[in-house]
Amino acid sequence: MEPGSGDRDLGHLDPSSTPKTEAEAYTAPLIQKIGAPSIAQIEKLIGELQEAKNLLESEGERIQREMVRYVKFVQLASASVKIIFETVSEWRLGHPMRKFVSPANES
């Protein structure tokens, strides 16, 4: 239901239109008088729900962007750790003191 459509839905209850029966002449303005505040409240709630929906959608998009950034960061960090590990491993294997350490003394 679109905001403002409530007014169109009650168009057949317009008090300025010619009533078909005496009951319509009495009930149409009464229904419109009673229903108007409720319709206004419903339209206000629909507007608030639409705002909440828009906020949630934009927050969802923001969180997805943050997740993509986080995944890229983790991948870069992992690649950096791998490079550091490989470099340190090469240093350890090629360390000049390596030839003086017996294999039994290594842990």
Protein backbone atom coordinates (compact mmCIF):
# COMPACT_ATOMS: atom_id res chain seq x y z
CA MET A 1 0.00 0.00 0.00
CA GLU A 2 1.39 3.33 -1.04
CA PRO A 3 1.36 6.33 1.31
CA GLY A 4 -1.60 8.52 0.45
CA SER A 5 -3.47 5.68 -1.24
CA GLY A 6 -5.82 5.48 1.73
CA ASP A 7 -7.41 8.71 0.61
CA ARG A 8 -8.15 7.20 -2.80
CA ASP A 9 -9.54 4.02 -1.23
CA LEU A 10 -12.07 6.07 0.71
CA GLY A 11 -13.01 8.12 -2.34
CA HIS A 12 -16.36 6.36 -2.56
CA LEU A 13 -17.05 7.61 0.98
CA ASP A 14 -16.59 11.26 0.03
CA PRO A 15 -19.30 13.23 1.86
CA SER A 16 -19.61 15.65 -1.05
CA SER A 17 -20.75 12.85 -3.38
CA THR A 18 -24.43 12.18 -3.63
CA PRO A 19 -25.38 9.38 -1.23
CA LYS A 20 -27.40 6.52 -2.67
CA THR A 21 -29.24 5.73 0.52
CA GLU A 22 -30.02 7.43 3.77
CA ALA A 23 -27.70 5.03 5.59
CA GLU A 24 -24.85 6.02 3.29
CA ALA A 25 -25.57 9.67 3.94
CA TYR A 26 -25.07 9.05 7.65
CA THR A 27 -22.30 6.43 7.66
CA ALA A 28 -19.97 7.76 4.96
CA PRO A 29 -18.96 10.95 6.83
CA LEU A 30 -18.82 9.02 10.11
CA ILE A 31 -16.53 6.35 8.66
CA GLN A 32 -14.34 8.99 7.08
CA LYS A 33 -14.15 10.94 10.35
CA ILE A 34 -13.28 7.81 12.35
CA GLY A 35 -10.95 6.33 9.73
CA ALA A 36 -8.96 9.45 8.84
CA PRO A 37 -6.74 9.47 11.97
CA SER A 38 -6.10 5.73 11.64
CA ILE A 39 -5.21 6.12 7.99
CA ALA A 40 -2.86 8.99 8.85
CA GLN A 41 -1.20 6.86 11.55
CA ILE A 42 -0.86 3.92 9.17
CA GLU A 43 0.67 6.16 6.49
CA LYS A 44 3.07 7.59 9.09
CA LEU A 45 4.07 4.05 10.15
CA ILE A 46 4.55 3.05 6.51
CA GLY A 47 6.87 6.03 6.07
CA GLU A 48 8.83 5.11 9.19
CA LEU A 49 9.09 1.49 8.08
CA GLN A 50 10.33 2.63 4.66
CA GLU A 51 13.00 4.76 6.36
CA ALA A 52 14.02 1.79 8.54
CA LYS A 53 14.18 -0.44 5.45
CA ASN A 54 16.36 2.08 3.64
CA LEU A 55 18.66 2.37 6.67
CA LEU A 56 18.96 -1.42 6.98
CA GLU A 57 19.69 -1.79 3.28
CA SER A 58 22.40 0.88 3.36
CA GLU A 59 23.92 -0.66 6.52
CA GLY A 60 23.89 -4.08 4.85
CA GLU A 61 25.74 -2.64 1.86
CA ARG A 62 28.24 -0.91 4.17
CA ILE A 63 28.88 -4.13 6.08
CA GLN A 64 29.45 -6.02 2.84
CA ARG A 65 31.99 -3.39 1.75
CA GLU A 66 33.72 -3.68 5.12
CA MET A 67 33.82 -7.47 4.79
CA VAL A 68 35.44 -7.22 1.37
CA ARG A 69 38.05 -4.82 2.79
CA TYR A 70 38.64 -7.18 5.73
CA VAL A 71 39.09 -10.21 3.46
CA LYS A 72 41.60 -8.28 1.34
CA PHE A 73 43.43 -7.19 4.49
CA VAL A 74 43.57 -10.78 5.79
CA GLN A 75 44.86 -12.01 2.43
CA LEU A 76 47.59 -9.36 2.41
CA ALA A 77 48.52 -10.12 6.01
CA SER A 78 48.67 -13.84 5.25
CA ALA A 79 50.86 -13.25 2.20
CA SER A 80 53.16 -11.04 4.29
CA VAL A 81 53.48 -13.69 7.00
CA LYS A 82 54.27 -16.30 4.36
CA ILE A 83 57.02 -14.11 2.86
CA ILE A 84 58.47 -13.41 6.31
CA PHE A 85 58.35 -17.11 7.24
CA GLU A 86 60.07 -18.17 4.02
CA THR A 87 62.73 -15.47 4.41
CA VAL A 88 63.45 -16.38 8.03
CA SER A 89 63.54 -20.09 7.10
CA GLU A 90 66.13 -19.38 4.41
CA TRP A 91 68.23 -17.38 6.86
CA ARG A 92 68.07 -20.16 9.41
CA LEU A 93 69.09 -22.81 6.89
CA GLY A 94 71.93 -20.69 5.53
CA HIS A 95 73.10 -19.30 8.86
CA PRO A 96 76.92 -19.44 9.12
CA MET A 97 76.78 -21.04 12.58
CA ARG A 98 74.68 -23.87 11.19
CA LYS A 99 77.74 -25.97 10.34
CA PHE A 100 78.88 -25.90 13.99
CA VAL A 101 75.58 -27.13 15.40
CA SER A 102 75.19 -30.89 15.42
CA PRO A 103 71.79 -32.28 14.33
CA ALA A 104 71.33 -33.91 17.74
CA ASN A 105 71.50 -30.52 19.51
CA GLU A 106 68.78 -28.92 17.33
CA SER A 107 65.25 -28.74 18.59
